[in-house]
Amino acid sequence: MIWDRHKIHSRAKAVQAYLAKHPEIVAEHLPAYAPQSNPDEWVWSWTKYGRLANLAAWDADQLWDWVIDALVELKFRPDLLNSFIQDAELSLAA
C-alpha cells in the first residue's frame, strides 16, 4: 500500500490496528511534500491537464462523471501508472 504522509494514515488507531492484524500489508510512505516525487500528483496532472483540459462541464455532476471516467480509464492503464512511479524516481521495496 502506498500513501502520503498525512497523519490520518499512520496515526489513526483503526489503521494501526488493521495493519497489526495484517502483517502481509506493507505500507510505503511517499516523500514529504514534494509534488515532483509524488505519483499522485502525476495522476491528477494527467487527469486535469490531459483528459479534462478543455472540459466545460454544465454542472458539478457532469464534472464528477468526467473525473470518475478519467480515473477509471487510468485504472486500466498500468503503463501510465508505472510511468508515474518511474517519473517520480521513487525507490520502493520489492
N, C-alpha and C. Protein backbone atom coordinates (compact mmCIF):
# COMPACT_ATOMS: atom_id res chain seq x y z
N MET A 1 0.85 -1.15 0.00
CA MET A 1 0.00 0.00 0.00
C MET A 1 0.91 1.23 0.00
N ILE A 2 0.61 2.16 -0.87
CA ILE A 2 1.39 3.39 -0.96
C ILE A 2 0.48 4.55 -0.59
N TRP A 3 0.95 5.39 0.33
CA TRP A 3 0.13 6.53 0.73
C TRP A 3 1.02 7.70 1.11
N ASP A 4 0.39 8.87 1.19
CA ASP A 4 1.16 10.06 1.56
C ASP A 4 1.38 10.06 3.07
N ARG A 5 2.03 11.08 3.56
CA ARG A 5 2.40 11.12 4.98
C ARG A 5 1.35 11.81 5.85
N HIS A 6 0.12 11.89 5.38
CA HIS A 6 -0.93 12.51 6.19
C HIS A 6 -1.10 11.72 7.48
N LYS A 7 -1.25 12.41 8.58
CA LYS A 7 -1.33 11.77 9.90
C LYS A 7 -2.47 10.77 10.02
N ILE A 8 -3.53 10.99 9.26
CA ILE A 8 -4.68 10.09 9.36
C ILE A 8 -4.30 8.66 8.97
N HIS A 9 -3.30 8.52 8.10
CA HIS A 9 -2.90 7.19 7.67
C HIS A 9 -2.08 6.47 8.73
N SER A 10 -1.07 7.13 9.22
CA SER A 10 -0.13 6.45 10.10
C SER A 10 -0.49 6.51 11.58
N ARG A 11 -1.27 7.49 12.00
CA ARG A 11 -1.55 7.64 13.42
C ARG A 11 -2.96 7.21 13.83
N ALA A 12 -3.82 6.99 12.89
CA ALA A 12 -5.19 6.59 13.23
C ALA A 12 -5.16 5.22 13.89
N LYS A 13 -5.81 5.11 15.04
CA LYS A 13 -5.81 3.85 15.78
C LYS A 13 -6.45 2.71 14.98
N ALA A 14 -7.50 3.03 14.23
CA ALA A 14 -8.15 1.99 13.42
C ALA A 14 -7.20 1.46 12.36
N VAL A 15 -6.43 2.36 11.76
CA VAL A 15 -5.47 1.94 10.73
C VAL A 15 -4.36 1.12 11.37
N GLN A 16 -3.83 1.56 12.48
CA GLN A 16 -2.77 0.83 13.17
C GLN A 16 -3.24 -0.57 13.58
N ALA A 17 -4.45 -0.66 14.09
CA ALA A 17 -4.99 -1.95 14.50
C ALA A 17 -5.15 -2.88 13.29
N TYR A 18 -5.65 -2.34 12.20
CA TYR A 18 -5.84 -3.15 11.00
C TYR A 18 -4.50 -3.66 10.47
N LEU A 19 -3.51 -2.79 10.39
CA LEU A 19 -2.20 -3.20 9.90
C LEU A 19 -1.54 -4.21 10.84
N ALA A 20 -1.77 -4.07 12.13
CA ALA A 20 -1.22 -5.02 13.09
C ALA A 20 -1.80 -6.43 12.88
N LYS A 21 -3.05 -6.51 12.46
CA LYS A 21 -3.70 -7.79 12.20
C LYS A 21 -3.35 -8.36 10.83
N HIS A 22 -2.78 -7.52 9.96
CA HIS A 22 -2.48 -7.94 8.58
C HIS A 22 -1.02 -7.64 8.24
N PRO A 23 -0.10 -8.44 8.76
CA PRO A 23 1.32 -8.18 8.50
C PRO A 23 1.71 -8.33 7.03
N GLU A 24 0.85 -8.94 6.25
CA GLU A 24 1.15 -9.09 4.82
C GLU A 24 1.01 -7.77 4.06
N ILE A 25 0.39 -6.78 4.68
CA ILE A 25 0.24 -5.47 4.06
C ILE A 25 1.43 -4.60 4.47
N VAL A 26 2.16 -4.15 3.48
CA VAL A 26 3.32 -3.30 3.72
C VAL A 26 2.96 -1.88 3.30
N ALA A 27 3.11 -0.95 4.22
CA ALA A 27 2.80 0.45 3.93
C ALA A 27 4.08 1.17 3.53
N GLU A 28 4.07 1.78 2.36
CA GLU A 28 5.17 2.59 1.87
C GLU A 28 4.72 4.04 1.89
N HIS A 29 5.47 4.89 2.55
CA HIS A 29 5.11 6.30 2.63
C HIS A 29 5.76 7.07 1.49
N LEU A 30 4.99 7.92 0.86
CA LEU A 30 5.53 8.82 -0.14
C LEU A 30 6.38 9.87 0.57
N PRO A 31 7.26 10.53 -0.15
CA PRO A 31 8.08 11.56 0.49
C PRO A 31 7.21 12.69 1.04
N ALA A 32 7.78 13.45 1.98
CA ALA A 32 7.10 14.65 2.46
C ALA A 32 6.80 15.53 1.25
N TYR A 33 6.01 16.57 1.44
CA TYR A 33 5.52 17.34 0.32
C TYR A 33 6.61 17.67 -0.69
N ALA A 34 6.53 17.00 -1.78
CA ALA A 34 7.44 17.19 -2.91
C ALA A 34 6.67 16.70 -4.13
N PRO A 35 5.86 17.57 -4.74
CA PRO A 35 4.97 17.14 -5.83
C PRO A 35 5.68 16.36 -6.92
N GLN A 36 6.92 16.73 -7.24
CA GLN A 36 7.63 16.04 -8.31
C GLN A 36 7.97 14.61 -7.93
N SER A 37 7.92 14.27 -6.65
CA SER A 37 8.24 12.92 -6.18
C SER A 37 7.00 12.15 -5.75
N ASN A 38 5.84 12.65 -6.04
CA ASN A 38 4.60 12.04 -5.59
C ASN A 38 3.79 11.57 -6.81
N PRO A 39 3.69 10.26 -7.01
CA PRO A 39 2.93 9.75 -8.17
C PRO A 39 1.48 10.23 -8.20
N ASP A 40 0.90 10.50 -7.03
CA ASP A 40 -0.47 11.03 -7.01
C ASP A 40 -0.57 12.32 -7.79
N GLU A 41 0.45 13.16 -7.69
CA GLU A 41 0.45 14.43 -8.42
C GLU A 41 0.46 14.19 -9.92
N TRP A 42 1.15 13.15 -10.37
CA TRP A 42 1.16 12.82 -11.80
C TRP A 42 -0.22 12.35 -12.25
N VAL A 43 -0.90 11.59 -11.38
CA VAL A 43 -2.26 11.14 -11.70
C VAL A 43 -3.16 12.35 -11.90
N TRP A 44 -3.12 13.28 -10.95
CA TRP A 44 -4.00 14.45 -11.05
C TRP A 44 -3.59 15.35 -12.21
N SER A 45 -2.31 15.46 -12.47
CA SER A 45 -1.87 16.27 -13.61
C SER A 45 -2.37 15.68 -14.92
N TRP A 46 -2.22 14.36 -15.07
CA TRP A 46 -2.70 13.69 -16.29
C TRP A 46 -4.21 13.88 -16.43
N THR A 47 -4.92 13.78 -15.32
CA THR A 47 -6.38 13.91 -15.35
C THR A 47 -6.80 15.34 -15.67
N LYS A 48 -6.25 16.30 -14.93
CA LYS A 48 -6.66 17.70 -15.08
C LYS A 48 -6.21 18.33 -16.39
N TYR A 49 -4.94 18.12 -16.72
CA TYR A 49 -4.37 18.83 -17.87
C TYR A 49 -4.37 18.00 -19.14
N GLY A 50 -4.67 16.72 -19.01
CA GLY A 50 -4.74 15.85 -20.17
C GLY A 50 -6.18 15.58 -20.56
N ARG A 51 -6.84 14.77 -19.75
CA ARG A 51 -8.19 14.31 -20.08
C ARG A 51 -9.26 15.40 -19.93
N LEU A 52 -9.09 16.31 -18.98
CA LEU A 52 -10.15 17.28 -18.70
C LEU A 52 -9.77 18.72 -19.06
N ALA A 53 -8.69 18.88 -19.80
CA ALA A 53 -8.15 20.22 -20.05
C ALA A 53 -9.16 21.18 -20.69
N ASN A 54 -9.93 20.71 -21.62
CA ASN A 54 -10.86 21.60 -22.32
C ASN A 54 -12.31 21.34 -21.97
N LEU A 55 -12.54 20.65 -20.87
CA LEU A 55 -13.90 20.35 -20.46
C LEU A 55 -14.60 21.60 -19.94
N ALA A 56 -15.79 21.83 -20.43
CA ALA A 56 -16.64 22.91 -19.90
C ALA A 56 -17.91 22.23 -19.40
N ALA A 57 -17.84 21.72 -18.19
CA ALA A 57 -18.96 20.97 -17.63
C ALA A 57 -20.16 21.87 -17.39
N TRP A 58 -21.34 21.29 -17.59
CA TRP A 58 -22.57 22.04 -17.36
C TRP A 58 -22.81 22.26 -15.88
N ASP A 59 -22.40 21.29 -15.06
CA ASP A 59 -22.62 21.39 -13.62
C ASP A 59 -21.65 20.46 -12.90
N ALA A 60 -21.71 20.47 -11.57
CA ALA A 60 -20.80 19.66 -10.77
C ALA A 60 -21.00 18.17 -11.02
N ASP A 61 -22.23 17.76 -11.29
CA ASP A 61 -22.49 16.34 -11.55
C ASP A 61 -21.78 15.87 -12.82
N GLN A 62 -21.84 16.69 -13.87
CA GLN A 62 -21.16 16.31 -15.10
C GLN A 62 -19.65 16.29 -14.90
N LEU A 63 -19.13 17.26 -14.17
CA LEU A 63 -17.70 17.30 -13.88
C LEU A 63 -17.30 16.03 -13.12
N TRP A 64 -18.07 15.67 -12.11
CA TRP A 64 -17.80 14.47 -11.33
C TRP A 64 -17.75 13.24 -12.24
N ASP A 65 -18.73 13.12 -13.13
CA ASP A 65 -18.78 11.97 -14.05
C ASP A 65 -17.52 11.91 -14.91
N TRP A 66 -17.07 13.04 -15.42
CA TRP A 66 -15.89 13.07 -16.27
C TRP A 66 -14.64 12.71 -15.48
N VAL A 67 -14.53 13.20 -14.26
CA VAL A 67 -13.37 12.88 -13.42
C VAL A 67 -13.33 11.38 -13.15
N ILE A 68 -14.47 10.83 -12.76
CA ILE A 68 -14.54 9.39 -12.47
C ILE A 68 -14.20 8.58 -13.72
N ASP A 69 -14.74 8.97 -14.86
CA ASP A 69 -14.43 8.26 -16.11
C ASP A 69 -12.93 8.28 -16.41
N ALA A 70 -12.31 9.43 -16.21
CA ALA A 70 -10.87 9.55 -16.48
C ALA A 70 -10.07 8.66 -15.53
N LEU A 71 -10.45 8.63 -14.26
CA LEU A 71 -9.73 7.81 -13.28
C LEU A 71 -9.96 6.32 -13.53
N VAL A 72 -11.16 5.95 -13.95
CA VAL A 72 -11.42 4.55 -14.29
C VAL A 72 -10.59 4.15 -15.52
N GLU A 73 -10.51 5.04 -16.49
CA GLU A 73 -9.67 4.76 -17.66
C GLU A 73 -8.22 4.54 -17.23
N LEU A 74 -7.75 5.39 -16.34
CA LEU A 74 -6.37 5.28 -15.87
C LEU A 74 -6.15 3.98 -15.11
N LYS A 75 -7.15 3.53 -14.41
CA LYS A 75 -7.06 2.27 -13.65
C LYS A 75 -6.65 1.11 -14.57
N PHE A 76 -7.09 1.17 -15.81
CA PHE A 76 -6.80 0.10 -16.75
C PHE A 76 -5.60 0.42 -17.65
N ARG A 77 -4.78 1.37 -17.22
CA ARG A 77 -3.57 1.75 -17.95
C ARG A 77 -2.34 1.57 -17.07
N PRO A 78 -1.96 0.33 -16.78
CA PRO A 78 -0.80 0.11 -15.92
C PRO A 78 0.47 0.73 -16.48
N ASP A 79 0.54 0.87 -17.80
CA ASP A 79 1.71 1.51 -18.41
C ASP A 79 1.84 2.95 -17.93
N LEU A 80 0.73 3.67 -17.88
CA LEU A 80 0.75 5.05 -17.40
C LEU A 80 1.02 5.11 -15.90
N LEU A 81 0.34 4.26 -15.14
CA LEU A 81 0.55 4.26 -13.70
C LEU A 81 2.01 3.96 -13.35
N ASN A 82 2.59 2.99 -14.04
CA ASN A 82 4.00 2.68 -13.81
C ASN A 82 4.89 3.86 -14.21
N SER A 83 4.54 4.55 -15.27
CA SER A 83 5.36 5.70 -15.68
C SER A 83 5.31 6.82 -14.64
N PHE A 84 4.18 6.97 -13.96
CA PHE A 84 4.08 7.99 -12.92
C PHE A 84 5.03 7.67 -11.76
N ILE A 85 5.12 6.40 -11.42
CA ILE A 85 6.03 5.98 -10.35
C ILE A 85 7.48 6.15 -10.81
N GLN A 86 7.76 5.77 -12.06
CA GLN A 86 9.12 5.90 -12.57
C GLN A 86 9.53 7.37 -12.65
N ASP A 87 8.64 8.22 -13.12
CA ASP A 87 8.97 9.65 -13.24
C ASP A 87 9.18 10.30 -11.87
N ALA A 88 8.53 9.75 -10.85
CA ALA A 88 8.72 10.29 -9.51
C ALA A 88 10.06 9.84 -8.91
N GLU A 89 10.70 8.90 -9.57
CA GLU A 89 12.01 8.38 -9.14
C GLU A 89 11.99 7.90 -7.69
N LEU A 90 10.94 7.15 -7.38
CA LEU A 90 10.84 6.56 -6.04
C LEU A 90 11.53 5.21 -6.03
N SER A 91 12.16 4.90 -4.95
CA SER A 91 12.72 3.56 -4.79
C SER A 91 11.84 2.83 -3.80
N LEU A 92 11.04 1.89 -4.32
CA LEU A 92 10.12 1.15 -3.49
C LEU A 92 10.73 -0.22 -3.18
N ALA A 93 10.49 -0.69 -1.98
CA ALA A 93 10.99 -2.01 -1.60
C ALA A 93 10.29 -3.06 -2.44
N ALA A 94 11.03 -4.08 -2.83
CA ALA A 94 10.46 -5.14 -3.66
C ALA A 94 9.74 -6.16 -2.80
